[in-house]
Amino acid sequence: MKNKDLLTQTLYEKIPEPGYNLEQAQLIWWCNVRATGGLRLTQEGWKVLKRDLELESYSINLDKKEINKQFILDLDRKLTTPYFIERDRIHLFGSREAVMALLHGNMSRYLESLARS
């Protein structure tokens, strides 16, 4: 699911009392606020999905050497479900992407495999 506007609206409607409107949710939840941008969550977006909506996520450790500008851009362009990055781990809200990343050994190899397909 790459349609961020529809995803934001669907999630927003499930929050009992958000305290802000839909347009503000778009700005608060996403690092890249463009509709065509990636699905990287801000810390507030992460909290909403985990705490308020209690969505399941999958954590994968990252090697600090693999985190660079190109890696961040690749995540932004290639991942199709929301994700949150901490210093040394990524939290994925898509079970398929999490399993594929684990099968490839790390996120970088998984992203490389997406480029080939």
PDB file of N, CA and C in Angstrom:
ATOM      1  N   MET A   1       0.851  -1.181   0.000  1.00  0.00           N
ATOM      2  CA  MET A   1       0.000   0.000   0.000  1.00  0.00           C
ATOM      3  C   MET A   1       0.893   1.239   0.000  1.00  0.00           C
ATOM      4  N   LYS A   2       0.898   1.966  -1.064  1.00  0.00           N
ATOM      5  CA  LYS A   2       1.755   3.134  -1.160  1.00  0.00           C
ATOM      6  C   LYS A   2       0.960   4.434  -1.136  1.00  0.00           C
ATOM      7  N   ASN A   3      -0.375   4.369  -1.152  1.00  0.00           N
ATOM      8  CA  ASN A   3      -1.177   5.574  -1.139  1.00  0.00           C
ATOM      9  C   ASN A   3      -1.241   6.112   0.295  1.00  0.00           C
ATOM     10  N   LYS A   4      -0.321   7.012   0.605  1.00  0.00           N
ATOM     11  CA  LYS A   4      -0.175   7.508   1.963  1.00  0.00           C
ATOM     12  C   LYS A   4      -1.398   8.299   2.434  1.00  0.00           C
ATOM     13  N   ASP A   5      -2.030   9.043   1.553  1.00  0.00           N
ATOM     14  CA  ASP A   5      -3.218   9.809   1.947  1.00  0.00           C
ATOM     15  C   ASP A   5      -4.341   8.884   2.415  1.00  0.00           C
ATOM     16  N   LEU A   6      -4.586   7.829   1.662  1.00  0.00           N
ATOM     17  CA  LEU A   6      -5.624   6.875   2.029  1.00  0.00           C
ATOM     18  C   LEU A   6      -5.256   6.146   3.324  1.00  0.00           C
ATOM     19  N   LEU A   7      -4.001   5.758   3.454  1.00  0.00           N
ATOM     20  CA  LEU A   7      -3.533   5.090   4.658  1.00  0.00           C
ATOM     21  C   LEU A   7      -3.696   6.004   5.868  1.00  0.00           C
ATOM     22  N   THR A   8      -3.295   7.255   5.736  1.00  0.00           N
ATOM     23  CA  THR A   8      -3.421   8.208   6.841  1.00  0.00           C
ATOM     24  C   THR A   8      -4.878   8.368   7.244  1.00  0.00           C
ATOM     25  N   GLN A   9      -5.753   8.522   6.275  1.00  0.00           N
ATOM     26  CA  GLN A   9      -7.173   8.692   6.565  1.00  0.00           C
ATOM     27  C   GLN A   9      -7.748   7.463   7.271  1.00  0.00           C
ATOM     28  N   THR A  10      -7.408   6.282   6.784  1.00  0.00           N
ATOM     29  CA  THR A  10      -7.907   5.041   7.378  1.00  0.00           C
ATOM     30  C   THR A  10      -7.442   4.899   8.826  1.00  0.00           C
ATOM     31  N   LEU A  11      -6.157   5.155   9.072  1.00  0.00           N
ATOM     32  CA  LEU A  11      -5.630   5.048  10.431  1.00  0.00           C
ATOM     33  C   LEU A  11      -6.215   6.129  11.333  1.00  0.00           C
ATOM     34  N   TYR A  12      -6.318   7.330  10.805  1.00  0.00           N
ATOM     35  CA  TYR A  12      -6.846   8.460  11.580  1.00  0.00           C
ATOM     36  C   TYR A  12      -8.271   8.169  12.068  1.00  0.00           C
ATOM     37  N   GLU A  13      -9.069   7.572  11.214  1.00  0.00           N
ATOM     38  CA  GLU A  13     -10.454   7.271  11.576  1.00  0.00           C
ATOM     39  C   GLU A  13     -10.559   6.225  12.685  1.00  0.00           C
ATOM     40  N   LYS A  14      -9.512   5.479  12.925  1.00  0.00           N
ATOM     41  CA  LYS A  14      -9.530   4.438  13.950  1.00  0.00           C
ATOM     42  C   LYS A  14      -9.079   4.941  15.320  1.00  0.00           C
ATOM     43  N   ILE A  15      -8.554   6.171  15.389  1.00  0.00           N
ATOM     44  CA  ILE A  15      -8.093   6.727  16.661  1.00  0.00           C
ATOM     45  C   ILE A  15      -9.296   7.320  17.395  1.00  0.00           C
ATOM     46  N   PRO A  16      -9.539   6.910  18.641  1.00  0.00           N
ATOM     47  CA  PRO A  16     -10.716   7.390  19.365  1.00  0.00           C
ATOM     48  C   PRO A  16     -10.784   8.924  19.487  1.00  0.00           C
ATOM     49  N   GLU A  17      -9.768   9.559  19.994  1.00  0.00           N
ATOM     50  CA  GLU A  17      -9.745  11.014  20.149  1.00  0.00           C
ATOM     51  C   GLU A  17      -8.347  11.520  19.819  1.00  0.00           C
ATOM     52  N   PRO A  18      -8.070  11.780  18.555  1.00  0.00           N
ATOM     53  CA  PRO A  18      -6.702  12.134  18.168  1.00  0.00           C
ATOM     54  C   PRO A  18      -6.213  13.485  18.702  1.00  0.00           C
ATOM     55  N   GLY A  19      -7.090  14.460  18.840  1.00  0.00           N
ATOM     56  CA  GLY A  19      -6.645  15.767  19.320  1.00  0.00           C
ATOM     57  C   GLY A  19      -6.119  16.668  18.222  1.00  0.00           C
ATOM     58  N   TYR A  20      -6.186  16.230  16.983  1.00  0.00           N
ATOM     59  CA  TYR A  20      -5.784  17.025  15.827  1.00  0.00           C
ATOM     60  C   TYR A  20      -6.557  16.524  14.619  1.00  0.00           C
ATOM     61  N   ASN A  21      -6.537  17.319  13.548  1.00  0.00           N
ATOM     62  CA  ASN A  21      -7.318  16.929  12.364  1.00  0.00           C
ATOM     63  C   ASN A  21      -6.479  16.071  11.412  1.00  0.00           C
ATOM     64  N   LEU A  22      -7.110  15.627  10.344  1.00  0.00           N
ATOM     65  CA  LEU A  22      -6.468  14.724   9.378  1.00  0.00           C
ATOM     66  C   LEU A  22      -5.247  15.364   8.725  1.00  0.00           C
ATOM     67  N   GLU A  23      -5.345  16.614   8.350  1.00  0.00           N
ATOM     68  CA  GLU A  23      -4.211  17.299   7.713  1.00  0.00           C
ATOM     69  C   GLU A  23      -3.025  17.397   8.668  1.00  0.00           C
ATOM     70  N   GLN A  24      -3.310  17.650   9.936  1.00  0.00           N
ATOM     71  CA  GLN A  24      -2.241  17.700  10.926  1.00  0.00           C
ATOM     72  C   GLN A  24      -1.624  16.318  11.136  1.00  0.00           C
ATOM     73  N   ALA A  25      -2.456  15.283  11.089  1.00  0.00           N
ATOM     74  CA  ALA A  25      -1.942  13.913  11.222  1.00  0.00           C
ATOM     75  C   ALA A  25      -0.922  13.628  10.131  1.00  0.00           C
ATOM     76  N   GLN A  26      -1.232  14.071   8.913  1.00  0.00           N
ATOM     77  CA  GLN A  26      -0.304  13.867   7.782  1.00  0.00           C
ATOM     78  C   GLN A  26       1.060  14.492   8.101  1.00  0.00           C
ATOM     79  N   LEU A  27       1.054  15.663   8.674  1.00  0.00           N
ATOM     80  CA  LEU A  27       2.305  16.368   8.989  1.00  0.00           C
ATOM     81  C   LEU A  27       3.008  15.785  10.208  1.00  0.00           C
ATOM     82  N   ILE A  28       2.230  15.323  11.165  1.00  0.00           N
ATOM     83  CA  ILE A  28       2.788  14.826  12.424  1.00  0.00           C
ATOM     84  C   ILE A  28       3.356  13.411  12.292  1.00  0.00           C
ATOM     85  N   TRP A  29       2.713  12.581  11.477  1.00  0.00           N
ATOM     86  CA  TRP A  29       3.068  11.161  11.429  1.00  0.00           C
ATOM     87  C   TRP A  29       4.206  10.814  10.491  1.00  0.00           C
ATOM     88  N   TRP A  30       4.376  11.556   9.396  1.00  0.00           N
ATOM     89  CA  TRP A  30       5.289  11.124   8.335  1.00  0.00           C
ATOM     90  C   TRP A  30       6.520  12.017   8.232  1.00  0.00           C
ATOM     91  N   CYS A  31       7.684  11.401   8.028  1.00  0.00           N
ATOM     92  CA  CYS A  31       8.916  12.171   7.803  1.00  0.00           C
ATOM     93  C   CYS A  31       8.867  12.882   6.458  1.00  0.00           C
ATOM     94  N   ASN A  32       8.384  12.213   5.448  1.00  0.00           N
ATOM     95  CA  ASN A  32       8.249  12.785   4.114  1.00  0.00           C
ATOM     96  C   ASN A  32       6.768  13.051   3.894  1.00  0.00           C
ATOM     97  N   VAL A  33       6.367  14.314   3.996  1.00  0.00           N
ATOM     98  CA  VAL A  33       4.932  14.631   4.000  1.00  0.00           C
ATOM     99  C   VAL A  33       4.305  14.661   2.609  1.00  0.00           C
ATOM    100  N   ARG A  34       5.111  14.580   1.560  1.00  0.00           N
ATOM    101  CA  ARG A  34       4.532  14.539   0.214  1.00  0.00           C
ATOM    102  C   ARG A  34       3.697  13.278   0.043  1.00  0.00           C
ATOM    103  N   ALA A  35       2.598  13.405  -0.674  1.00  0.00           N
ATOM    104  CA  ALA A  35       1.717  12.253  -0.894  1.00  0.00           C
ATOM    105  C   ALA A  35       2.452  11.119  -1.598  1.00  0.00           C
ATOM    106  N   THR A  36       3.418  11.463  -2.446  1.00  0.00           N
ATOM    107  CA  THR A  36       4.179  10.450  -3.172  1.00  0.00           C
ATOM    108  C   THR A  36       5.427  10.009  -2.414  1.00  0.00           C
ATOM    109  N   GLY A  37       5.647  10.596  -1.249  1.00  0.00           N
ATOM    110  CA  GLY A  37       6.831  10.268  -0.456  1.00  0.00           C
ATOM    111  C   GLY A  37       6.711   8.913   0.204  1.00  0.00           C
ATOM    112  N   GLY A  38       7.775   8.519   0.863  1.00  0.00           N
ATOM    113  CA  GLY A  38       7.828   7.215   1.506  1.00  0.00           C
ATOM    114  C   GLY A  38       6.994   7.135   2.767  1.00  0.00           C
ATOM    115  N   LEU A  39       7.050   5.990   3.405  1.00  0.00           N
ATOM    116  CA  LEU A  39       6.206   5.702   4.557  1.00  0.00           C
ATOM    117  C   LEU A  39       6.993   5.661   5.870  1.00  0.00           C
ATOM    118  N   ARG A  40       8.067   6.442   5.930  1.00  0.00           N
ATOM    119  CA  ARG A  40       8.841   6.520   7.166  1.00  0.00           C
ATOM    120  C   ARG A  40       8.074   7.349   8.189  1.00  0.00           C
ATOM    121  N   LEU A  41       7.912   6.776   9.359  1.00  0.00           N
ATOM    122  CA  LEU A  41       7.171   7.425  10.440  1.00  0.00           C
ATOM    123  C   LEU A  41       8.066   8.309  11.290  1.00  0.00           C
ATOM    124  N   THR A  42       7.483   9.389  11.795  1.00  0.00           N
ATOM    125  CA  THR A  42       8.143  10.182  12.822  1.00  0.00           C
ATOM    126  C   THR A  42       7.960   9.447  14.141  1.00  0.00           C
ATOM    127  N   GLN A  43       8.591   9.939  15.187  1.00  0.00           N
ATOM    128  CA  GLN A  43       8.424   9.312  16.492  1.00  0.00           C
ATOM    129  C   GLN A  43       6.955   9.379  16.930  1.00  0.00           C
ATOM    130  N   GLU A  44       6.291  10.478  16.641  1.00  0.00           N
ATOM    131  CA  GLU A  44       4.869  10.602  16.991  1.00  0.00           C
ATOM    132  C   GLU A  44       4.025   9.609  16.189  1.00  0.00           C
ATOM    133  N   GLY A  45       4.325   9.452  14.909  1.00  0.00           N
ATOM    134  CA  GLY A  45       3.613   8.476  14.089  1.00  0.00           C
ATOM    135  C   GLY A  45       3.808   7.065  14.614  1.00  0.00           C
ATOM    136  N   TRP A  46       5.032   6.761  15.014  1.00  0.00           N
ATOM    137  CA  TRP A  46       5.351   5.456  15.598  1.00  0.00           C
ATOM    138  C   TRP A  46       4.499   5.215  16.848  1.00  0.00           C
ATOM    139  N   LYS A  47       4.422   6.226  17.705  1.00  0.00           N
ATOM    140  CA  LYS A  47       3.641   6.092  18.941  1.00  0.00           C
ATOM    141  C   LYS A  47       2.161   5.857  18.637  1.00  0.00           C
ATOM    142  N   VAL A  48       1.633   6.561  17.660  1.00  0.00           N
ATOM    143  CA  VAL A  48       0.221   6.405  17.308  1.00  0.00           C
ATOM    144  C   VAL A  48      -0.061   4.982  16.837  1.00  0.00           C
ATOM    145  N   LEU A  49       0.768   4.472  15.939  1.00  0.00           N
ATOM    146  CA  LEU A  49       0.526   3.133  15.416  1.00  0.00           C
ATOM    147  C   LEU A  49       0.720   2.060  16.475  1.00  0.00           C
ATOM    148  N   LYS A  50       1.712   2.213  17.339  1.00  0.00           N
ATOM    149  CA  LYS A  50       1.987   1.213  18.374  1.00  0.00           C
ATOM    150  C   LYS A  50       1.072   1.350  19.582  1.00  0.00           C
ATOM    151  N   ARG A  51       1.003   2.545  20.145  1.00  0.00           N
ATOM    152  CA  ARG A  51       0.282   2.737  21.403  1.00  0.00           C
ATOM    153  C   ARG A  51      -1.227   2.896  21.181  1.00  0.00           C
ATOM    154  N   ASP A  52      -1.597   3.810  20.312  1.00  0.00           N
ATOM    155  CA  ASP A  52      -3.014   4.117  20.140  1.00  0.00           C
ATOM    156  C   ASP A  52      -3.751   3.055  19.325  1.00  0.00           C
ATOM    157  N   LEU A  53      -3.139   2.586  18.251  1.00  0.00           N
ATOM    158  CA  LEU A  53      -3.793   1.601  17.389  1.00  0.00           C
ATOM    159  C   LEU A  53      -3.374   0.166  17.674  1.00  0.00           C
ATOM    160  N   GLU A  54      -2.311   0.002  18.452  1.00  0.00           N
ATOM    161  CA  GLU A  54      -1.810  -1.312  18.844  1.00  0.00           C
ATOM    162  C   GLU A  54      -1.547  -2.226  17.657  1.00  0.00           C
ATOM    163  N   LEU A  55      -0.961  -1.657  16.605  1.00  0.00           N
ATOM    164  CA  LEU A  55      -0.614  -2.447  15.429  1.00  0.00           C
ATOM    165  C   LEU A  55       0.660  -3.242  15.693  1.00  0.00           C
ATOM    166  N   GLU A  56       0.721  -4.414  15.105  1.00  0.00           N
ATOM    167  CA  GLU A  56       1.893  -5.263  15.279  1.00  0.00           C
ATOM    168  C   GLU A  56       3.026  -4.776  14.376  1.00  0.00           C
ATOM    169  N   SER A  57       4.226  -4.755  14.949  1.00  0.00           N
ATOM    170  CA  SER A  57       5.399  -4.389  14.158  1.00  0.00           C
ATOM    171  C   SER A  57       6.483  -5.435  14.370  1.00  0.00           C
ATOM    172  N   TYR A  58       7.462  -5.402  13.483  1.00  0.00           N
ATOM    173  CA  TYR A  58       8.551  -6.376  13.489  1.00  0.00           C
ATOM    174  C   TYR A  58       9.862  -5.608  13.495  1.00  0.00           C
ATOM    175  N   SER A  59      10.725  -5.917  14.459  1.00  0.00           N
ATOM    176  CA  SER A  59      11.985  -5.193  14.612  1.00  0.00           C
ATOM    177  C   SER A  59      13.137  -5.970  13.996  1.00  0.00           C
ATOM    178  N   ILE A  60      13.967  -5.236  13.281  1.00  0.00           N
ATOM    179  CA  ILE A  60      15.152  -5.831  12.671  1.00  0.00           C
ATOM    180  C   ILE A  60      16.350  -4.963  13.039  1.00  0.00           C
ATOM    181  N   ASN A  61      17.378  -5.615  13.542  1.00  0.00           N
ATOM    182  CA  ASN A  61      18.597  -4.880  13.886  1.00  0.00           C
ATOM    183  C   ASN A  61      19.286  -4.386  12.626  1.00  0.00           C
ATOM    184  N   LEU A  62      19.871  -3.206  12.733  1.00  0.00           N
ATOM    185  CA  LEU A  62      20.621  -2.626  11.623  1.00  0.00           C
ATOM    186  C   LEU A  62      22.074  -2.483  12.019  1.00  0.00           C
ATOM    187  N   ASP A  63      22.944  -2.700  11.074  1.00  0.00           N
ATOM    188  CA  ASP A  63      24.357  -2.430  11.255  1.00  0.00           C
ATOM    189  C   ASP A  63      24.540  -0.929  11.012  1.00  0.00           C
ATOM    190  N   LYS A  64      25.135  -0.237  11.962  1.00  0.00           N
ATOM    191  CA  LYS A  64      25.285   1.217  11.822  1.00  0.00           C
ATOM    192  C   LYS A  64      26.009   1.599  10.538  1.00  0.00           C
ATOM    193  N   LYS A  65      26.844   0.687  10.020  1.00  0.00           N
ATOM    194  CA  LYS A  65      27.574   0.972   8.772  1.00  0.00           C
ATOM    195  C   LYS A  65      26.645   1.003   7.559  1.00  0.00           C
ATOM    196  N   GLU A  66      25.494   0.313   7.654  1.00  0.00           N
ATOM    197  CA  GLU A  66      24.601   0.289   6.501  1.00  0.00           C
ATOM    198  C   GLU A  66      23.686   1.508   6.451  1.00  0.00           C
ATOM    199  N   ILE A  67      23.610   2.269   7.523  1.00  0.00           N
ATOM    200  CA  ILE A  67      22.725   3.434   7.557  1.00  0.00           C
ATOM    201  C   ILE A  67      23.454   4.649   6.996  1.00  0.00           C
ATOM    202  N   ASN A  68      23.062   5.040   5.800  1.00  0.00           N
ATOM    203  CA  ASN A  68      23.609   6.240   5.165  1.00  0.00           C
ATOM    204  C   ASN A  68      22.493   6.879   4.337  1.00  0.00           C
ATOM    205  N   LYS A  69      22.811   7.950   3.655  1.00  0.00           N
ATOM    206  CA  LYS A  69      21.779   8.669   2.886  1.00  0.00           C
ATOM    207  C   LYS A  69      21.140   7.790   1.817  1.00  0.00           C
ATOM    208  N   GLN A  70      21.941   7.008   1.121  1.00  0.00           N
ATOM    209  CA  GLN A  70      21.391   6.137   0.074  1.00  0.00           C
ATOM    210  C   GLN A  70      20.465   5.079   0.665  1.00  0.00           C
ATOM    211  N   PHE A  71      20.838   4.522   1.799  1.00  0.00           N
ATOM    212  CA  PHE A  71      20.019   3.525   2.476  1.00  0.00           C
ATOM    213  C   PHE A  71      18.657   4.121   2.845  1.00  0.00           C
ATOM    214  N   ILE A  72      18.658   5.328   3.402  1.00  0.00           N
ATOM    215  CA  ILE A  72      17.421   6.013   3.778  1.00  0.00           C
ATOM    216  C   ILE A  72      16.557   6.277   2.543  1.00  0.00           C
ATOM    217  N   LEU A  73      17.187   6.719   1.457  1.00  0.00           N
ATOM    218  CA  LEU A  73      16.451   6.950   0.210  1.00  0.00           C
ATOM    219  C   LEU A  73      15.854   5.652  -0.336  1.00  0.00           C
ATOM    220  N   ASP A  74      16.623   4.577  -0.276  1.00  0.00           N
ATOM    221  CA  ASP A  74      16.118   3.281  -0.745  1.00  0.00           C
ATOM    222  C   ASP A  74      14.914   2.821   0.076  1.00  0.00           C
ATOM    223  N   LEU A  75      14.981   3.004   1.387  1.00  0.00           N
ATOM    224  CA  LEU A  75      13.833   2.660   2.228  1.00  0.00           C
ATOM    225  C   LEU A  75      12.617   3.476   1.807  1.00  0.00           C
ATOM    226  N   ASP A  76      12.844   4.765   1.608  1.00  0.00           N
ATOM    227  CA  ASP A  76      11.766   5.688   1.247  1.00  0.00           C
ATOM    228  C   ASP A  76      11.111   5.294  -0.072  1.00  0.00           C
ATOM    229  N   ARG A  77      11.911   4.844  -1.013  1.00  0.00           N
ATOM    230  CA  ARG A  77      11.404   4.516  -2.352  1.00  0.00           C
ATOM    231  C   ARG A  77      10.837   3.110  -2.472  1.00  0.00           C
ATOM    232  N   LYS A  78      11.362   2.166  -1.684  1.00  0.00           N
ATOM    233  CA  LYS A  78      11.042   0.767  -1.934  1.00  0.00           C
ATOM    234  C   LYS A  78      10.099   0.104  -0.939  1.00  0.00           C
ATOM    235  N   LEU A  79      10.085   0.551   0.305  1.00  0.00           N
ATOM    236  CA  LEU A  79       9.199  -0.099   1.272  1.00  0.00           C
ATOM    237  C   LEU A  79       7.761   0.337   1.037  1.00  0.00           C
ATOM    238  N   THR A  80       6.857  -0.604   1.161  1.00  0.00           N
ATOM    239  CA  THR A  80       5.453  -0.344   0.840  1.00  0.00           C
ATOM    240  C   THR A  80       4.552  -0.303   2.068  1.00  0.00           C
ATOM    241  N   THR A  81       5.133  -0.464   3.249  1.00  0.00           N
ATOM    242  CA  THR A  81       4.369  -0.368   4.492  1.00  0.00           C
ATOM    243  C   THR A  81       5.099   0.587   5.433  1.00  0.00           C
ATOM    244  N   PRO A  82       4.395   1.149   6.412  1.00  0.00           N
ATOM    245  CA  PRO A  82       5.043   2.092   7.334  1.00  0.00           C
ATOM    246  C   PRO A  82       6.206   1.455   8.088  1.00  0.00           C
ATOM    247  N   TYR A  83       7.183   2.292   8.415  1.00  0.00           N
ATOM    248  CA  TYR A  83       8.339   1.835   9.176  1.00  0.00           C
ATOM    249  C   TYR A  83       8.889   2.992   9.995  1.00  0.00           C
ATOM    250  N   PHE A  84       9.618   2.643  11.058  1.00  0.00           N
ATOM    251  CA  PHE A  84      10.234   3.629  11.943  1.00  0.00           C
ATOM    252  C   PHE A  84      11.672   3.211  12.164  1.00  0.00           C
ATOM    253  N   ILE A  85      12.593   4.159  12.079  1.00  0.00           N
ATOM    254  CA  ILE A  85      14.014   3.867  12.257  1.00  0.00           C
ATOM    255  C   ILE A  85      14.498   4.442  13.581  1.00  0.00           C
ATOM    256  N   GLU A  86      15.155   3.594  14.353  1.00  0.00           N
ATOM    257  CA  GLU A  86      15.868   4.045  15.545  1.00  0.00           C
ATOM    258  C   GLU A  86      17.352   4.003  15.208  1.00  0.00           C
ATOM    259  N   ARG A  87      18.196   4.220  16.181  1.00  0.00           N
ATOM    260  CA  ARG A  87      19.640   4.254  15.920  1.00  0.00           C
ATOM    261  C   ARG A  87      20.156   2.984  15.251  1.00  0.00           C
ATOM    262  N   ASP A  88      19.758   1.841  15.797  1.00  0.00           N
ATOM    263  CA  ASP A  88      20.326   0.581  15.317  1.00  0.00           C
ATOM    264  C   ASP A  88      19.275  -0.468  14.989  1.00  0.00           C
ATOM    265  N   ARG A  89      18.046  -0.029  14.736  1.00  0.00           N
ATOM    266  CA  ARG A  89      17.001  -0.978  14.352  1.00  0.00           C
ATOM    267  C   ARG A  89      15.914  -0.280  13.572  1.00  0.00           C
ATOM    268  N   ILE A  90      15.227  -1.096  12.803  1.00  0.00           N
ATOM    269  CA  ILE A  90      14.085  -0.609  12.039  1.00  0.00           C
ATOM    270  C   ILE A  90      12.873  -1.419  12.465  1.00  0.00           C
ATOM    271  N   HIS A  91      11.749  -0.749  12.603  1.00  0.00           N
ATOM    272  CA  HIS A  91      10.495  -1.389  12.968  1.00  0.00           C
ATOM    273  C   HIS A  91       9.591  -1.333  11.744  1.00  0.00           C
ATOM    274  N   LEU A  92       9.220  -2.502  11.246  1.00  0.00           N
ATOM    275  CA  LEU A  92       8.381  -2.603  10.049  1.00  0.00           C
ATOM    276  C   LEU A  92       6.969  -2.999  10.449  1.00  0.00           C
ATOM    277  N   PHE A  93       5.988  -2.388   9.799  1.00  0.00           N
ATOM    278  CA  PHE A  93       4.604  -2.742  10.054  1.00  0.00           C
ATOM    279  C   PHE A  93       4.077  -3.725   9.014  1.00  0.00           C
ATOM    280  N   GLY A  94       4.933  -4.193   8.153  1.00  0.00           N
ATOM    281  CA  GLY A  94       4.547  -5.189   7.160  1.00  0.00           C
ATOM    282  C   GLY A  94       5.253  -6.505   7.436  1.00  0.00           C
ATOM    283  N   SER A  95       4.490  -7.550   7.711  1.00  0.00           N
ATOM    284  CA  SER A  95       5.100  -8.841   8.037  1.00  0.00           C
ATOM    285  C   SER A  95       5.850  -9.420   6.842  1.00  0.00           C
ATOM    286  N   ARG A  96       5.328  -9.227   5.636  1.00  0.00           N
ATOM    287  CA  ARG A  96       5.992  -9.770   4.449  1.00  0.00           C
ATOM    288  C   ARG A  96       7.373  -9.130   4.266  1.00  0.00           C
ATOM    289  N   GLU A  97       7.448  -7.821   4.390  1.00  0.00           N
ATOM    290  CA  GLU A  97       8.736  -7.138   4.237  1.00  0.00           C
ATOM    291  C   GLU A  97       9.701  -7.539   5.352  1.00  0.00           C
ATOM    292  N   ALA A  98       9.188  -7.720   6.552  1.00  0.00           N
ATOM    293  CA  ALA A  98      10.051  -8.126   7.666  1.00  0.00           C
ATOM    294  C   ALA A  98      10.629  -9.519   7.431  1.00  0.00           C
ATOM    295  N   VAL A  99       9.796 -10.442   7.002  1.00  0.00           N
ATOM    296  CA  VAL A  99      10.260 -11.810   6.740  1.00  0.00           C
ATOM    297  C   VAL A  99      11.286 -11.818   5.602  1.00  0.00           C
ATOM    298  N   MET A 100      10.998 -11.068   4.551  1.00  0.00           N
ATOM    299  CA  MET A 100      11.927 -11.025   3.418  1.00  0.00           C
ATOM    300  C   MET A 100      13.274 -10.423   3.835  1.00  0.00           C
ATOM    301  N   ALA A 101      13.248  -9.389   4.649  1.00  0.00           N
ATOM    302  CA  ALA A 101      14.498  -8.786   5.123  1.00  0.00           C
ATOM    303  C   ALA A 101      15.283  -9.793   5.964  1.00  0.00           C
ATOM    304  N   LEU A 102      14.596 -10.528   6.819  1.00  0.00           N
ATOM    305  CA  LEU A 102      15.274 -11.534   7.639  1.00  0.00           C
ATOM    306  C   LEU A 102      15.843 -12.663   6.783  1.00  0.00           C
ATOM    307  N   LEU A 103      15.105 -13.077   5.767  1.00  0.00           N
ATOM    308  CA  LEU A 103      15.595 -14.128   4.880  1.00  0.00           C
ATOM    309  C   LEU A 103      16.824 -13.687   4.081  1.00  0.00           C
ATOM    310  N   HIS A 104      16.905 -12.406   3.763  1.00  0.00           N
ATOM    311  CA  HIS A 104      18.055 -11.880   3.030  1.00  0.00           C
ATOM    312  C   HIS A 104      19.243 -11.610   3.942  1.00  0.00           C
ATOM    313  N   GLY A 105      19.051 -11.652   5.245  1.00  0.00           N
ATOM    314  CA  GLY A 105      20.148 -11.468   6.182  1.00  0.00           C
ATOM    315  C   GLY A 105      20.223 -10.064   6.759  1.00  0.00           C
ATOM    316  N   ASN A 106      19.841  -9.061   6.001  1.00  0.00           N
ATOM    317  CA  ASN A 106      19.779  -7.699   6.518  1.00  0.00           C
ATOM    318  C   ASN A 106      18.972  -6.820   5.564  1.00  0.00           C
ATOM    319  N   MET A 107      18.677  -5.611   5.999  1.00  0.00           N
ATOM    320  CA  MET A 107      17.842  -4.710   5.198  1.00  0.00           C
ATOM    321  C   MET A 107      18.519  -4.310   3.898  1.00  0.00           C
ATOM    322  N   SER A 108      19.815  -4.082   3.927  1.00  0.00           N
ATOM    323  CA  SER A 108      20.519  -3.658   2.712  1.00  0.00           C
ATOM    324  C   SER A 108      20.402  -4.695   1.604  1.00  0.00           C
ATOM    325  N   ARG A 109      20.603  -5.960   1.945  1.00  0.00           N
ATOM    326  CA  ARG A 109      20.493  -7.024   0.929  1.00  0.00           C
ATOM    327  C   ARG A 109      19.067  -7.134   0.403  1.00  0.00           C
ATOM    328  N   TYR A 110      18.114  -6.972   1.309  1.00  0.00           N
ATOM    329  CA  TYR A 110      16.720  -7.010   0.866  1.00  0.00           C
ATOM    330  C   TYR A 110      16.427  -5.873  -0.106  1.00  0.00           C
ATOM    331  N   LEU A 111      16.872  -4.674   0.213  1.00  0.00           N
ATOM    332  CA  LEU A 111      16.644  -3.524  -0.676  1.00  0.00           C
ATOM    333  C   LEU A 111      17.332  -3.739  -2.019  1.00  0.00           C
ATOM    334  N   GLU A 112      18.525  -4.310  -2.003  1.00  0.00           N
ATOM    335  CA  GLU A 112      19.230  -4.617  -3.259  1.00  0.00           C
ATOM    336  C   GLU A 112      18.427  -5.613  -4.086  1.00  0.00           C
ATOM    337  N   SER A 113      17.829  -6.599  -3.434  1.00  0.00           N
ATOM    338  CA  SER A 113      17.043  -7.600  -4.178  1.00  0.00           C
ATOM    339  C   SER A 113      15.815  -6.959  -4.812  1.00  0.00           C
ATOM    340  N   LEU A 114      15.261  -5.946  -4.200  1.00  0.00           N
ATOM    341  CA  LEU A 114      14.118  -5.245  -4.778  1.00  0.00           C
ATOM    342  C   LEU A 114      14.521  -4.493  -6.032  1.00  0.00           C
ATOM    343  N   ALA A 115      15.739  -4.017  -6.070  1.00  0.00           N
ATOM    344  CA  ALA A 115      16.220  -3.292  -7.251  1.00  0.00           C
ATOM    345  C   ALA A 115      16.342  -4.227  -8.452  1.00  0.00           C
ATOM    346  N   ARG A 116      16.649  -5.503  -8.187  1.00  0.00           N
ATOM    347  CA  ARG A 116      16.825  -6.474  -9.259  1.00  0.00           C
ATOM    348  C   ARG A 116      15.512  -7.014  -9.807  1.00  0.00           C
ATOM    349  N   SER A 117      14.460  -6.921  -8.996  1.00  0.00           N
ATOM    350  CA  SER A 117      13.195  -7.521  -9.436  1.00  0.00           C
ATOM    351  C   SER A 117      12.309  -6.536 -10.163  1.00  0.00           C
TER     352      SER A 117
END
